[in-house]
């Protein structure tokens, strides 16, 4: 005798658990919105009610009031298409990762130039045609001064800024 499995007929509706999970996901998305800076909030197009609720959440410090405000934001999120907001937040996260990676790369170049690595100099010159070899050499030479001097620390920062400038150009 075969064991019969009872399945709920699929009539296009989600189960209660699926709906709860969707609500939790939207509330988490709302929490990410609240974590954004005011500048970042200005760049995303949110409905007026949601934007006001997010700004209000920034002002609330009490735990229970903040929790209720987050639930309200989640409720507002259910009424809109959250996909553009989700894409925006993913872009911000990827942008932060890319900024950190480029910062690390520039730091490595600076350190290698200070050590006198000619291969890094050639890599920079070939990769960035706007880079000036003479200026790079001069900045690296200034930064090679004994580490105790304040001039060497300043020269290292100037070299970093120049590398960042040509990297961002």
N, C-alpha and C. Protein backbone atom coordinates (compact mmCIF):
# COMPACT_ATOMS: atom_id res chain seq x y z
N UNK A 1 0.84 -1.18 0.00
CA UNK A 1 0.00 0.00 0.00
C UNK A 1 0.89 1.25 0.00
N UNK A 2 0.64 2.14 -0.91
CA UNK A 2 1.44 3.34 -1.04
C UNK A 2 1.00 4.38 -0.02
N UNK A 3 2.02 5.10 0.45
CA UNK A 3 1.76 6.19 1.38
C UNK A 3 1.33 7.42 0.60
N UNK A 4 0.25 7.99 1.00
CA UNK A 4 -0.28 9.13 0.29
C UNK A 4 0.19 10.42 0.95
N UNK A 5 0.67 11.35 0.14
CA UNK A 5 1.12 12.64 0.65
C UNK A 5 0.06 13.67 0.29
N UNK A 6 -0.37 14.37 1.31
CA UNK A 6 -1.37 15.39 1.08
C UNK A 6 -0.68 16.69 0.72
N UNK A 7 -1.06 17.27 -0.37
CA UNK A 7 -0.51 18.54 -0.79
C UNK A 7 -1.63 19.55 -0.90
N UNK A 8 -1.26 20.74 -0.52
CA UNK A 8 -2.21 21.83 -0.64
C UNK A 8 -2.33 22.19 -2.12
N UNK A 9 -3.52 22.35 -2.62
CA UNK A 9 -3.66 22.71 -4.03
C UNK A 9 -3.04 24.09 -4.28
N UNK A 10 -2.33 24.22 -5.37
CA UNK A 10 -1.67 25.47 -5.71
C UNK A 10 -2.67 26.37 -6.44
N UNK A 11 -3.14 27.33 -5.73
CA UNK A 11 -4.10 28.26 -6.33
C UNK A 11 -3.50 29.67 -6.48
N UNK A 12 -2.14 29.72 -6.57
CA UNK A 12 -1.49 30.99 -6.79
C UNK A 12 -1.22 31.78 -5.53
N UNK A 13 -1.54 31.24 -4.39
CA UNK A 13 -1.31 31.94 -3.13
C UNK A 13 -0.13 31.31 -2.40
N UNK A 14 0.56 32.12 -1.65
CA UNK A 14 1.68 31.63 -0.87
C UNK A 14 1.19 31.06 0.45
N UNK A 15 1.97 30.19 1.02
CA UNK A 15 1.62 29.67 2.34
C UNK A 15 1.87 30.77 3.38
N UNK A 16 1.37 30.55 4.56
CA UNK A 16 1.53 31.52 5.63
C UNK A 16 3.01 31.72 5.97
N UNK A 17 3.78 30.63 5.95
CA UNK A 17 5.21 30.71 6.24
C UNK A 17 5.93 31.52 5.16
N UNK A 18 5.58 31.30 3.91
CA UNK A 18 6.20 32.06 2.83
C UNK A 18 5.89 33.55 2.96
N UNK A 19 4.66 33.86 3.31
CA UNK A 19 4.28 35.26 3.47
C UNK A 19 5.05 35.89 4.63
N UNK A 20 5.21 35.17 5.74
CA UNK A 20 5.97 35.69 6.87
C UNK A 20 7.43 35.92 6.49
N UNK A 21 8.00 35.00 5.73
CA UNK A 21 9.39 35.15 5.30
C UNK A 21 9.55 36.36 4.38
N UNK A 22 8.58 36.58 3.51
CA UNK A 22 8.62 37.74 2.63
C UNK A 22 8.53 39.03 3.44
N UNK A 23 7.67 39.04 4.45
CA UNK A 23 7.52 40.22 5.30
C UNK A 23 8.83 40.48 6.04
N UNK A 24 9.46 39.43 6.57
CA UNK A 24 10.74 39.60 7.27
C UNK A 24 11.81 40.13 6.33
N UNK A 25 11.83 39.64 5.10
CA UNK A 25 12.83 40.09 4.12
C UNK A 25 12.62 41.57 3.80
N UNK A 26 11.37 41.99 3.67
CA UNK A 26 11.09 43.40 3.40
C UNK A 26 11.47 44.28 4.59
N UNK A 27 11.24 43.77 5.79
CA UNK A 27 11.60 44.53 6.98
C UNK A 27 13.13 44.67 7.07
N UNK A 28 13.86 43.61 6.72
CA UNK A 28 15.33 43.68 6.70
C UNK A 28 15.80 44.70 5.66
N UNK A 29 15.12 44.73 4.53
CA UNK A 29 15.43 45.71 3.49
C UNK A 29 15.21 47.12 4.04
N UNK A 30 14.13 47.28 4.80
CA UNK A 30 13.85 48.56 5.45
C UNK A 30 14.94 48.93 6.45
N UNK A 31 15.46 47.95 7.18
CA UNK A 31 16.56 48.21 8.12
C UNK A 31 17.80 48.69 7.37
N UNK A 32 18.04 48.11 6.21
CA UNK A 32 19.18 48.55 5.40
C UNK A 32 18.98 49.99 4.92
N UNK A 33 17.74 50.34 4.61
CA UNK A 33 17.44 51.72 4.21
C UNK A 33 17.72 52.68 5.36
N UNK A 34 17.34 52.28 6.57
CA UNK A 34 17.55 53.14 7.73
C UNK A 34 19.05 53.31 7.99
N UNK A 35 19.85 52.32 7.65
CA UNK A 35 21.30 52.38 7.87
C UNK A 35 22.01 53.29 6.87
N UNK A 36 21.32 53.69 5.80
CA UNK A 36 21.95 54.55 4.79
C UNK A 36 22.14 55.96 5.33
N UNK A 37 23.13 56.64 4.78
CA UNK A 37 23.36 58.04 5.14
C UNK A 37 22.33 58.92 4.45
N UNK A 38 22.13 60.13 4.94
CA UNK A 38 21.18 61.03 4.28
C UNK A 38 21.54 61.30 2.81
N UNK A 39 22.83 61.37 2.49
CA UNK A 39 23.24 61.58 1.10
C UNK A 39 22.81 60.41 0.22
N UNK A 40 22.98 59.20 0.73
CA UNK A 40 22.59 58.02 -0.03
C UNK A 40 21.08 57.96 -0.19
N UNK A 41 20.35 58.37 0.84
CA UNK A 41 18.88 58.37 0.76
C UNK A 41 18.38 59.33 -0.31
N UNK A 42 19.10 60.44 -0.50
CA UNK A 42 18.68 61.41 -1.50
C UNK A 42 18.81 60.85 -2.92
N UNK A 43 19.74 59.90 -3.11
CA UNK A 43 19.97 59.39 -4.46
C UNK A 43 18.99 58.30 -4.87
N UNK A 44 18.28 57.75 -3.91
CA UNK A 44 17.31 56.69 -4.23
C UNK A 44 15.91 57.30 -4.26
N UNK A 45 15.13 56.86 -5.18
CA UNK A 45 13.77 57.39 -5.32
C UNK A 45 12.81 56.51 -4.51
N UNK A 46 12.38 57.06 -3.38
CA UNK A 46 11.44 56.35 -2.51
C UNK A 46 10.12 57.11 -2.48
N UNK A 47 9.03 56.37 -2.28
CA UNK A 47 7.74 57.07 -2.07
C UNK A 47 7.84 57.97 -0.84
N UNK A 48 7.11 59.05 -0.87
CA UNK A 48 7.21 60.07 0.18
C UNK A 48 6.95 59.49 1.58
N UNK A 49 5.95 58.63 1.72
CA UNK A 49 5.63 58.06 3.03
C UNK A 49 6.78 57.20 3.55
N UNK A 50 7.38 56.42 2.68
CA UNK A 50 8.49 55.56 3.08
C UNK A 50 9.71 56.40 3.45
N UNK A 51 10.00 57.42 2.66
CA UNK A 51 11.14 58.30 2.95
C UNK A 51 10.97 58.99 4.30
N UNK A 52 9.76 59.45 4.57
CA UNK A 52 9.47 60.10 5.86
C UNK A 52 9.65 59.10 7.00
N UNK A 53 9.16 57.89 6.83
CA UNK A 53 9.28 56.87 7.87
C UNK A 53 10.74 56.52 8.13
N UNK A 54 11.54 56.45 7.08
CA UNK A 54 12.97 56.15 7.24
C UNK A 54 13.67 57.29 7.98
N UNK A 55 13.35 58.53 7.59
CA UNK A 55 13.94 59.68 8.27
C UNK A 55 13.51 59.73 9.74
N UNK A 56 12.26 59.39 10.01
CA UNK A 56 11.78 59.34 11.39
C UNK A 56 12.53 58.29 12.20
N UNK A 57 12.83 57.16 11.56
CA UNK A 57 13.55 56.08 12.25
C UNK A 57 14.94 56.53 12.67
N UNK A 58 15.55 57.44 11.90
CA UNK A 58 16.86 57.99 12.27
C UNK A 58 16.79 58.76 13.58
N UNK A 59 15.63 59.37 13.84
CA UNK A 59 15.47 60.21 15.03
C UNK A 59 15.13 59.43 16.29
N UNK A 60 14.62 58.22 16.13
CA UNK A 60 14.13 57.44 17.27
C UNK A 60 15.29 56.70 17.93
N UNK A 61 15.36 56.80 19.25
CA UNK A 61 16.44 56.13 19.97
C UNK A 61 15.94 55.02 20.90
N UNK A 62 14.69 55.09 21.33
CA UNK A 62 14.17 54.07 22.23
C UNK A 62 13.97 52.76 21.48
N UNK A 63 14.34 51.66 22.13
CA UNK A 63 14.33 50.35 21.48
C UNK A 63 12.94 49.96 20.97
N UNK A 64 11.95 50.04 21.82
CA UNK A 64 10.61 49.58 21.44
C UNK A 64 10.02 50.48 20.36
N UNK A 65 10.22 51.78 20.48
CA UNK A 65 9.72 52.70 19.47
C UNK A 65 10.41 52.45 18.13
N UNK A 66 11.70 52.16 18.17
CA UNK A 66 12.45 51.87 16.94
C UNK A 66 11.93 50.58 16.30
N UNK A 67 11.64 49.58 17.13
CA UNK A 67 11.12 48.30 16.62
C UNK A 67 9.78 48.52 15.92
N UNK A 68 8.90 49.30 16.54
CA UNK A 68 7.60 49.58 15.93
C UNK A 68 7.76 50.36 14.62
N UNK A 69 8.69 51.31 14.62
CA UNK A 69 8.93 52.08 13.40
C UNK A 69 9.45 51.17 12.28
N UNK A 70 10.29 50.20 12.63
CA UNK A 70 10.81 49.27 11.64
C UNK A 70 9.68 48.40 11.09
N UNK A 71 8.75 48.01 11.95
CA UNK A 71 7.59 47.25 11.48
C UNK A 71 6.73 48.09 10.53
N UNK A 72 6.60 49.36 10.85
CA UNK A 72 5.84 50.27 9.99
C UNK A 72 6.52 50.40 8.62
N UNK A 73 7.84 50.53 8.64
CA UNK A 73 8.59 50.61 7.38
C UNK A 73 8.38 49.33 6.58
N UNK A 74 8.41 48.18 7.26
CA UNK A 74 8.16 46.91 6.59
C UNK A 74 6.77 46.87 5.96
N UNK A 75 5.79 47.43 6.66
CA UNK A 75 4.42 47.48 6.14
C UNK A 75 4.36 48.35 4.88
N UNK A 76 5.05 49.48 4.92
CA UNK A 76 5.08 50.36 3.74
C UNK A 76 5.80 49.69 2.57
N UNK A 77 6.82 48.90 2.88
CA UNK A 77 7.60 48.22 1.84
C UNK A 77 6.73 47.19 1.11
N UNK A 78 5.75 46.62 1.81
CA UNK A 78 4.87 45.62 1.18
C UNK A 78 4.00 46.24 0.10
N UNK A 79 3.78 47.55 0.16
CA UNK A 79 2.89 48.22 -0.77
C UNK A 79 3.61 48.68 -2.05
N UNK A 80 4.93 48.57 -2.07
CA UNK A 80 5.68 49.04 -3.24
C UNK A 80 6.50 47.91 -3.84
N UNK A 81 7.04 48.16 -5.01
CA UNK A 81 7.94 47.20 -5.65
C UNK A 81 9.32 47.41 -5.03
N UNK A 82 9.80 46.42 -4.29
CA UNK A 82 11.05 46.55 -3.55
C UNK A 82 12.28 46.20 -4.39
N UNK A 83 12.08 45.67 -5.57
CA UNK A 83 13.23 45.23 -6.38
C UNK A 83 14.19 46.38 -6.72
N UNK A 84 13.73 47.58 -7.15
CA UNK A 84 14.68 48.66 -7.42
C UNK A 84 15.48 49.07 -6.18
N UNK A 85 14.83 49.04 -5.02
CA UNK A 85 15.51 49.38 -3.77
C UNK A 85 16.58 48.34 -3.48
N UNK A 86 16.23 47.09 -3.67
CA UNK A 86 17.18 46.00 -3.43
C UNK A 86 18.39 46.13 -4.37
N UNK A 87 18.16 46.44 -5.62
CA UNK A 87 19.26 46.62 -6.58
C UNK A 87 20.14 47.79 -6.18
N UNK A 88 19.52 48.87 -5.72
CA UNK A 88 20.27 50.04 -5.27
C UNK A 88 21.19 49.68 -4.11
N UNK A 89 20.66 48.94 -3.14
CA UNK A 89 21.45 48.55 -1.97
C UNK A 89 22.59 47.61 -2.37
N UNK A 90 22.35 46.72 -3.31
CA UNK A 90 23.41 45.83 -3.79
C UNK A 90 24.50 46.64 -4.48
N UNK A 91 24.10 47.64 -5.27
CA UNK A 91 25.09 48.50 -5.93
C UNK A 91 25.94 49.24 -4.92
N UNK A 92 25.34 49.70 -3.85
CA UNK A 92 26.09 50.40 -2.81
C UNK A 92 27.11 49.44 -2.18
N UNK A 93 26.67 48.22 -1.87
CA UNK A 93 27.58 47.25 -1.26
C UNK A 93 28.72 46.92 -2.21
N UNK A 94 28.42 46.72 -3.48
CA UNK A 94 29.48 46.41 -4.45
C UNK A 94 30.41 47.60 -4.62
N UNK A 95 29.84 48.79 -4.61
CA UNK A 95 30.67 49.99 -4.72
C UNK A 95 31.61 50.13 -3.55
N UNK A 96 31.13 49.83 -2.35
CA UNK A 96 32.00 49.88 -1.17
C UNK A 96 33.12 48.86 -1.29
N UNK A 97 32.80 47.68 -1.79
CA UNK A 97 33.82 46.65 -1.97
C UNK A 97 34.85 47.10 -3.00
N UNK A 98 34.40 47.69 -4.09
CA UNK A 98 35.31 48.14 -5.13
C UNK A 98 36.19 49.29 -4.64
N UNK A 99 35.62 50.18 -3.83
CA UNK A 99 36.42 51.27 -3.27
C UNK A 99 37.51 50.72 -2.35
N UNK A 100 37.14 49.76 -1.53
CA UNK A 100 38.12 49.17 -0.62
C UNK A 100 39.22 48.45 -1.39
N UNK A 101 38.85 47.75 -2.44
CA UNK A 101 39.84 47.02 -3.24
C UNK A 101 40.77 48.00 -3.96
N UNK A 102 40.23 49.08 -4.51
CA UNK A 102 41.09 50.05 -5.19
C UNK A 102 41.99 50.76 -4.19
N UNK A 103 41.48 51.06 -3.00
CA UNK A 103 42.28 51.69 -1.96
C UNK A 103 43.46 50.79 -1.59
N UNK A 104 43.19 49.50 -1.43
CA UNK A 104 44.23 48.54 -1.09
C UNK A 104 45.27 48.45 -2.21
N UNK A 105 44.81 48.46 -3.45
CA UNK A 105 45.72 48.39 -4.60
C UNK A 105 46.63 49.61 -4.63
N UNK A 106 46.09 50.78 -4.40
CA UNK A 106 46.87 52.02 -4.41
C UNK A 106 47.89 52.00 -3.26
N UNK A 107 47.46 51.53 -2.09
CA UNK A 107 48.41 51.40 -0.97
C UNK A 107 49.57 50.50 -1.33
N UNK A 108 49.29 49.37 -1.97
CA UNK A 108 50.33 48.43 -2.36
C UNK A 108 51.29 49.08 -3.35
N UNK A 109 50.74 49.79 -4.33
CA UNK A 109 51.60 50.49 -5.30
C UNK A 109 52.51 51.49 -4.59
N UNK A 110 51.93 52.26 -3.68
CA UNK A 110 52.72 53.26 -2.96
C UNK A 110 53.86 52.59 -2.21
N UNK A 111 53.56 51.54 -1.47
CA UNK A 111 54.59 50.85 -0.69
C UNK A 111 55.68 50.28 -1.59
N UNK A 112 55.28 49.72 -2.73
CA UNK A 112 56.27 49.15 -3.66
C UNK A 112 57.12 50.25 -4.31
N UNK A 113 56.51 51.38 -4.63
CA UNK A 113 57.28 52.48 -5.20
C UNK A 113 58.29 53.02 -4.19
N UNK A 114 57.89 53.08 -2.94
CA UNK A 114 58.81 53.55 -1.90
C UNK A 114 59.98 52.58 -1.74
N UNK A 115 59.71 51.29 -1.91
CA UNK A 115 60.77 50.29 -1.83
C UNK A 115 61.69 50.35 -3.06
N UNK A 116 61.22 51.02 -4.12
CA UNK A 116 62.03 51.14 -5.32
C UNK A 116 61.73 50.10 -6.37
N UNK A 117 60.57 49.49 -6.33
CA UNK A 117 60.19 48.46 -7.30
C UNK A 117 59.91 49.09 -8.66
N UNK A 118 60.78 48.86 -9.62
CA UNK A 118 60.66 49.46 -10.95
C UNK A 118 59.52 48.82 -11.74
N UNK A 119 59.25 47.54 -11.50
CA UNK A 119 58.17 46.85 -12.21
C UNK A 119 56.81 47.50 -11.95
N UNK A 120 56.60 47.93 -10.71
CA UNK A 120 55.34 48.60 -10.36
C UNK A 120 55.25 49.93 -11.09
N UNK A 121 56.37 50.63 -11.17
CA UNK A 121 56.40 51.90 -11.90
C UNK A 121 55.99 51.67 -13.36
N UNK A 122 56.56 50.65 -13.99
CA UNK A 122 56.24 50.35 -15.39
C UNK A 122 54.77 49.95 -15.53
N UNK A 123 54.26 49.18 -14.57
CA UNK A 123 52.84 48.78 -14.61
C UNK A 123 51.94 50.00 -14.55
N UNK A 124 52.25 50.93 -13.68
CA UNK A 124 51.43 52.14 -13.53
C UNK A 124 51.48 52.99 -14.80
N UNK A 125 52.69 53.16 -15.34
CA UNK A 125 52.86 53.98 -16.54
C UNK A 125 52.12 53.35 -17.73
N UNK A 126 52.20 52.03 -17.86
CA UNK A 126 51.53 51.39 -18.99
C UNK A 126 50.02 51.35 -18.81
N UNK A 127 49.56 51.22 -17.58
CA UNK A 127 48.12 51.12 -17.33
C UNK A 127 47.43 52.48 -17.38
N UNK A 128 48.15 53.52 -16.95
CA UNK A 128 47.57 54.87 -16.91
C UNK A 128 48.44 55.82 -17.72
N UNK A 129 48.05 56.09 -18.95
CA UNK A 129 48.87 56.94 -19.81
C UNK A 129 49.02 58.38 -19.30
N UNK A 130 48.09 58.82 -18.44
CA UNK A 130 48.18 60.17 -17.91
C UNK A 130 49.18 60.29 -16.75
N UNK A 131 49.74 59.18 -16.29
CA UNK A 131 50.71 59.20 -15.19
C UNK A 131 52.04 59.77 -15.69
N UNK A 132 52.65 60.59 -14.87
CA UNK A 132 53.92 61.21 -15.23
C UNK A 132 55.05 60.49 -14.52
N UNK A 133 55.92 59.86 -15.29
CA UNK A 133 57.02 59.07 -14.73
C UNK A 133 57.92 59.92 -13.83
N UNK A 134 58.26 61.10 -14.28
CA UNK A 134 59.17 61.95 -13.52
C UNK A 134 58.56 62.32 -12.16
N UNK A 135 57.30 62.67 -12.18
CA UNK A 135 56.63 63.03 -10.92
C UNK A 135 56.55 61.84 -9.98
N UNK A 136 56.21 60.65 -10.51
CA UNK A 136 56.17 59.44 -9.68
C UNK A 136 57.54 59.17 -9.05
N UNK A 137 58.60 59.27 -9.87
CA UNK A 137 59.95 59.05 -9.35
C UNK A 137 60.28 60.03 -8.24
N UNK A 138 59.95 61.29 -8.45
CA UNK A 138 60.26 62.32 -7.46
C UNK A 138 59.49 62.08 -6.16
N UNK A 139 58.19 61.77 -6.27
CA UNK A 139 57.39 61.54 -5.06
C UNK A 139 57.87 60.30 -4.31
N UNK A 140 58.24 59.24 -5.04
CA UNK A 140 58.74 58.03 -4.40
C UNK A 140 60.08 58.30 -3.72
N UNK A 141 60.95 59.06 -4.37
CA UNK A 141 62.26 59.39 -3.79
C UNK A 141 62.09 60.20 -2.51
N UNK A 142 61.16 61.16 -2.52
CA UNK A 142 60.90 61.97 -1.32
C UNK A 142 60.38 61.09 -0.17
N UNK A 143 59.58 60.11 -0.50
CA UNK A 143 59.00 59.24 0.53
C UNK A 143 60.01 58.23 1.06
N UNK A 144 61.13 58.03 0.34
CA UNK A 144 62.16 57.08 0.80
C UNK A 144 63.06 57.65 1.88
N UNK A 145 62.92 58.90 2.21
CA UNK A 145 63.74 59.51 3.25
C UNK A 145 63.58 58.71 4.53
N UNK A 146 64.50 58.86 5.45
CA UNK A 146 64.37 58.11 6.72
C UNK A 146 62.98 58.26 7.32
N UNK A 147 62.45 57.13 7.78
CA UNK A 147 61.05 57.07 8.25
C UNK A 147 60.76 58.03 9.41
N UNK A 148 61.78 58.43 10.15
CA UNK A 148 61.54 59.27 11.34
C UNK A 148 61.13 60.70 10.98
N UNK A 149 61.50 61.11 9.79
CA UNK A 149 61.21 62.50 9.45
C UNK A 149 59.75 62.69 9.08
N UNK A 150 59.26 63.86 9.43
CA UNK A 150 57.87 64.19 9.11
C UNK A 150 57.72 64.39 7.60
N UNK A 151 58.81 64.79 6.94
CA UNK A 151 58.76 65.00 5.49
C UNK A 151 58.47 63.69 4.76
N UNK A 152 59.04 62.58 5.24
CA UNK A 152 58.81 61.29 4.60
C UNK A 152 57.34 60.88 4.71
N UNK A 153 56.74 61.10 5.88
CA UNK A 153 55.32 60.75 6.08
C UNK A 153 54.44 61.61 5.17
N UNK A 154 54.77 62.89 5.09
CA UNK A 154 53.98 63.77 4.22
C UNK A 154 54.17 63.37 2.76
N UNK A 155 55.40 63.06 2.37
CA UNK A 155 55.68 62.66 0.99
C UNK A 155 54.95 61.37 0.64
N UNK A 156 54.83 60.46 1.60
CA UNK A 156 54.10 59.21 1.38
C UNK A 156 52.63 59.49 1.12
N UNK A 157 52.06 60.42 1.87
CA UNK A 157 50.65 60.79 1.66
C UNK A 157 50.46 61.48 0.31
N UNK A 158 51.43 62.33 -0.06
CA UNK A 158 51.34 63.02 -1.35
C UNK A 158 51.43 62.00 -2.49
N UNK A 159 52.31 61.02 -2.36
CA UNK A 159 52.43 59.96 -3.36
C UNK A 159 51.12 59.18 -3.47
N UNK A 160 50.52 58.85 -2.33
CA UNK A 160 49.24 58.14 -2.34
C UNK A 160 48.17 58.95 -3.05
N UNK A 161 48.09 60.24 -2.75
CA UNK A 161 47.08 61.09 -3.39
C UNK A 161 47.27 61.17 -4.90
N UNK A 162 48.53 61.24 -5.32
CA UNK A 162 48.80 61.28 -6.76
C UNK A 162 48.38 59.97 -7.42
N UNK A 163 48.72 58.85 -6.78
CA UNK A 163 48.32 57.55 -7.33
C UNK A 163 46.80 57.44 -7.39
N UNK A 164 46.13 57.91 -6.38
CA UNK A 164 44.67 57.86 -6.36
C UNK A 164 44.10 58.75 -7.47
N UNK A 165 44.71 59.89 -7.67
CA UNK A 165 44.27 60.82 -8.72
C UNK A 165 44.37 60.17 -10.10
N UNK A 166 45.50 59.52 -10.38
CA UNK A 166 45.63 58.90 -11.71
C UNK A 166 44.78 57.65 -11.82
N UNK A 167 44.54 56.98 -10.70
CA UNK A 167 43.69 55.79 -10.71
C UNK A 167 42.24 56.16 -11.00
N UNK A 168 41.78 57.25 -10.41
CA UNK A 168 40.39 57.70 -10.57
C UNK A 168 40.16 58.45 -11.88
N UNK A 169 41.22 58.90 -12.53
CA UNK A 169 41.11 59.70 -13.76
C UNK A 169 40.57 58.89 -14.84
